[in-house]
Amino acid sequence: MTRDTVVFDIGGVLIDWQPHLAWTDEMDEAEARAFMDRIGFEKLNLACDAGATFVQAASHVSDPNDAAQLARYVERYQHTVQAKIKGTWDILYTLKDADVPVHAITNWSAETWSEGCKAHPELLEVFDTTIVSGEAGIIKPSTEIYSLLCHRADVAPERCVFIDDSLHNCVGARAAGMGAIHFTSVDALRANLRARSLL
């Protein structure tokens, strides 16, 4: 079966996510990164990607000041996703112009997804189907989230090529029956898609 459908990750592929920028109005970058390390931000954020709220996540932070800082993350979220990865957007629009079906699967909290879409409204309209983990309650690399995309988009996984900057998410996509490209650079992605006759 020909792989003729492209499925994008968003953060790290199309949007440059820098979570420390949520707090740099109150602390410098080193302090913000130290705060994130101190509270275990990566794990708490992943729980929110799976459906928890940031207020719920903050309830697990022992220091009251740190907990209050984390609870305000959503209202500051747009600062963290200011920049597009322009070359990847160029590839996306080239695919669309060629009538290649394009979808998205993103590990993104339901709360911050709406804020991200305020910063980049085109996220709401550029994809044929979008699966947001925080809304679905499933996160990559679970094979369930790739299967959910295929169900909603009415496409067989064998027709899909999935693009993600996280290698373990590519492994999950392959386990679900998709092809996968580990995103490392715009040029490498373009070459890989050309090799697959998608560009």
Protein backbone atom coordinates (compact mmCIF):
# COMPACT_ATOMS: atom_id res chain seq x y z
CA MET A 1 0.00 0.00 0.00
CA THR A 2 1.34 3.42 -0.96
CA ARG A 3 2.11 5.81 1.89
CA ASP A 4 0.38 8.94 0.60
CA THR A 5 -0.73 10.69 3.81
CA VAL A 6 1.48 12.79 6.11
CA VAL A 7 0.91 13.14 9.85
CA PHE A 8 2.79 15.90 11.68
CA ASP A 9 3.78 16.35 15.26
CA ILE A 10 3.52 20.07 16.10
CA GLY A 11 5.78 21.09 19.00
CA GLY A 12 9.42 20.82 17.95
CA VAL A 13 8.45 20.23 14.31
CA LEU A 14 6.22 23.18 13.37
CA ILE A 15 6.26 25.30 16.54
CA ASP A 16 9.35 26.07 18.63
CA TRP A 17 8.26 25.41 22.24
CA GLN A 18 10.39 27.04 24.96
CA PRO A 19 8.55 26.54 28.27
CA HIS A 20 11.02 28.53 30.36
CA LEU A 21 9.78 31.69 28.62
CA ALA A 22 6.59 31.50 30.69
CA TRP A 23 8.53 32.81 33.68
CA THR A 24 11.26 35.04 32.27
CA ASP A 25 9.29 38.18 33.12
CA GLU A 26 9.95 37.33 36.79
CA MET A 27 13.26 35.45 36.64
CA ASP A 28 16.16 35.13 34.25
CA GLU A 29 16.57 32.09 32.04
CA ALA A 30 18.88 30.26 34.46
CA GLU A 31 16.43 30.81 37.34
CA ALA A 32 13.48 29.71 35.21
CA ARG A 33 15.25 26.52 34.15
CA ALA A 34 16.29 25.83 37.76
CA PHE A 35 12.65 26.25 38.84
CA MET A 36 11.52 23.81 36.18
CA ASP A 37 14.12 21.26 37.25
CA ARG A 38 13.20 21.74 40.91
CA ILE A 39 9.51 20.99 40.43
CA GLY A 40 9.99 18.20 37.87
CA PHE A 41 8.27 20.23 35.16
CA GLU A 42 8.83 17.69 32.41
CA LYS A 43 6.92 14.95 34.22
CA LEU A 44 4.17 17.29 35.39
CA ASN A 45 3.75 18.67 31.88
CA LEU A 46 3.47 15.14 30.50
CA ALA A 47 0.66 14.43 32.99
CA CYS A 48 -1.12 17.52 31.66
CA ASP A 49 -0.54 16.32 28.10
CA ALA A 50 -2.43 13.20 29.18
CA GLY A 51 -5.41 15.17 30.51
CA ALA A 52 -4.54 16.68 33.92
CA THR A 53 -4.85 20.42 34.52
CA PHE A 54 -1.94 22.58 35.58
CA VAL A 55 -3.76 23.42 38.82
CA GLN A 56 -3.89 19.70 39.52
CA ALA A 57 -0.21 19.41 38.65
CA ALA A 58 0.62 22.33 40.93
CA SER A 59 -1.06 20.56 43.85
CA HIS A 60 1.81 18.04 43.73
CA VAL A 61 4.47 20.74 44.16
CA SER A 62 5.49 21.00 47.81
CA ASP A 63 6.73 24.61 47.90
CA PRO A 64 3.73 27.00 47.86
CA ASN A 65 5.56 29.67 45.83
CA ASP A 66 6.65 27.14 43.22
CA ALA A 67 3.13 25.70 43.09
CA ALA A 68 1.68 29.17 42.49
CA GLN A 69 4.17 29.79 39.69
CA LEU A 70 3.23 26.54 37.95
CA ALA A 71 -0.50 27.22 38.34
CA ARG A 72 -0.03 30.43 36.33
CA TYR A 73 1.64 28.60 33.44
CA VAL A 74 -1.48 28.49 31.26
CA GLU A 75 -2.07 32.25 31.35
CA ARG A 76 1.55 32.79 30.31
CA TYR A 77 1.66 29.98 27.78
CA GLN A 78 1.62 32.07 24.61
CA HIS A 79 5.09 33.38 25.51
CA THR A 80 6.43 29.82 25.14
CA VAL A 81 5.30 29.24 21.55
CA GLN A 82 6.13 32.52 19.84
CA ALA A 83 8.23 31.16 16.96
CA LYS A 84 7.36 28.95 14.02
CA ILE A 85 9.87 26.53 12.49
CA LYS A 86 9.41 28.21 9.15
CA GLY A 87 10.96 25.64 6.83
CA THR A 88 8.66 22.92 8.09
CA TRP A 89 5.63 25.12 7.44
CA ASP A 90 6.88 25.61 3.89
CA ILE A 91 6.96 21.81 3.50
CA LEU A 92 3.48 21.51 5.00
CA TYR A 93 2.00 24.03 2.57
CA THR A 94 3.80 22.41 -0.37
CA LEU A 95 2.16 19.10 0.58
CA LYS A 96 -1.24 20.77 0.84
CA ASP A 97 -0.80 22.47 -2.52
CA ALA A 98 -0.12 19.03 -3.98
CA ASP A 99 -3.35 17.71 -2.40
CA VAL A 100 -1.49 15.39 -0.03
CA PRO A 101 -3.72 14.75 3.02
CA VAL A 102 -2.08 16.24 6.13
CA HIS A 103 -3.06 15.47 9.71
CA ALA A 104 -1.54 16.08 13.15
CA ILE A 105 -1.02 14.21 16.41
CA THR A 106 0.36 16.32 19.22
CA ASN A 107 1.16 15.74 22.87
CA TRP A 108 -0.32 19.00 24.15
CA SER A 109 -2.50 19.77 27.14
CA ALA A 110 -6.09 20.74 26.42
CA GLU A 111 -5.62 23.95 28.43
CA THR A 112 -2.50 25.12 26.64
CA TRP A 113 -3.67 23.95 23.20
CA SER A 114 -6.32 26.68 23.15
CA GLU A 115 -3.66 29.23 24.11
CA GLY A 116 -1.29 27.94 21.45
CA CYS A 117 -4.03 28.31 18.86
CA LYS A 118 -4.49 31.94 19.89
CA ALA A 119 -0.81 32.49 19.10
CA HIS A 120 -1.03 30.50 15.85
CA PRO A 121 -4.67 30.42 14.63
CA GLU A 122 -3.69 28.52 11.49
CA LEU A 123 -3.26 25.40 13.65
CA LEU A 124 -7.05 25.18 13.76
CA GLU A 125 -7.48 25.05 10.01
CA VAL A 126 -4.34 23.73 8.32
CA PHE A 127 -4.84 20.03 9.16
CA ASP A 128 -7.56 17.73 7.92
CA THR A 129 -7.65 15.97 11.32
CA THR A 130 -5.91 16.91 14.57
CA ILE A 131 -5.56 14.72 17.66
CA VAL A 132 -4.60 16.62 20.82
CA SER A 133 -3.49 14.23 23.55
CA GLY A 134 -4.90 16.31 26.41
CA GLU A 135 -8.34 16.23 24.80
CA ALA A 136 -8.14 12.53 23.91
CA GLY A 137 -6.65 11.41 27.24
CA ILE A 138 -3.98 9.38 25.38
CA ILE A 139 -0.38 10.38 24.79
CA LYS A 140 2.27 9.38 22.29
CA PRO A 141 3.91 6.92 21.98
CA SER A 142 0.84 4.83 22.89
CA THR A 143 -0.33 3.04 19.75
CA GLU A 144 -3.88 4.02 20.70
CA ILE A 145 -3.39 7.66 19.74
CA TYR A 146 -2.16 6.79 16.24
CA SER A 147 -5.09 4.41 15.84
CA LEU A 148 -7.45 7.18 16.96
CA LEU A 149 -6.09 9.48 14.25
CA CYS A 150 -6.61 6.79 11.62
CA HIS A 151 -10.16 6.18 12.81
CA ARG A 152 -11.12 9.86 12.76
CA ALA A 153 -9.36 10.55 9.46
CA ASP A 154 -10.69 7.33 7.92
CA VAL A 155 -7.24 6.32 6.72
CA ALA A 156 -5.29 3.08 7.07
CA PRO A 157 -2.07 3.40 9.11
CA GLU A 158 -0.20 1.77 6.23
CA ARG A 159 -0.94 4.89 4.15
CA CYS A 160 0.56 7.28 6.73
CA VAL A 161 4.01 8.74 7.25
CA PHE A 162 4.38 10.27 10.71
CA ILE A 163 6.90 13.04 11.50
CA ASP A 164 8.09 13.72 15.08
CA ASP A 165 11.17 15.21 16.74
CA SER A 166 11.00 12.53 19.47
CA LEU A 167 12.36 9.19 18.38
CA HIS A 168 10.22 7.22 20.84
CA ASN A 169 7.09 8.71 19.28
CA CYS A 170 8.31 7.51 15.88
CA VAL A 171 8.74 4.03 17.36
CA GLY A 172 5.13 4.18 18.61
CA ALA A 173 3.91 5.20 15.16
CA ARG A 174 5.73 2.31 13.54
CA ALA A 175 4.24 -0.08 16.10
CA ALA A 176 0.80 1.22 15.04
CA GLY A 177 1.56 0.44 11.39
CA MET A 178 2.64 3.86 10.16
CA GLY A 179 5.87 4.84 8.50
CA ALA A 180 7.84 7.37 10.50
CA ILE A 181 10.45 10.09 10.00
CA HIS A 182 12.48 11.28 12.98
CA PHE A 183 12.65 15.06 12.50
CA THR A 184 16.19 16.38 12.93
CA SER A 185 16.28 19.25 10.43
CA VAL A 186 14.19 20.84 7.72
CA ASP A 187 16.62 19.80 4.99
CA ALA A 188 16.67 16.18 6.14
CA LEU A 189 12.87 16.11 6.31
CA ARG A 190 12.57 17.52 2.80
CA ALA A 191 15.03 14.94 1.46
CA ASN A 192 13.22 12.10 3.25
CA LEU A 193 9.83 13.13 1.87
CA ARG A 194 11.29 13.46 -1.62
CA ALA A 195 12.74 9.95 -1.31
CA ARG A 196 9.23 8.76 -0.53
CA SER A 197 7.85 10.67 -3.57
CA LEU A 198 5.74 12.86 -1.31
CA LEU A 199 7.43 16.11 -2.38
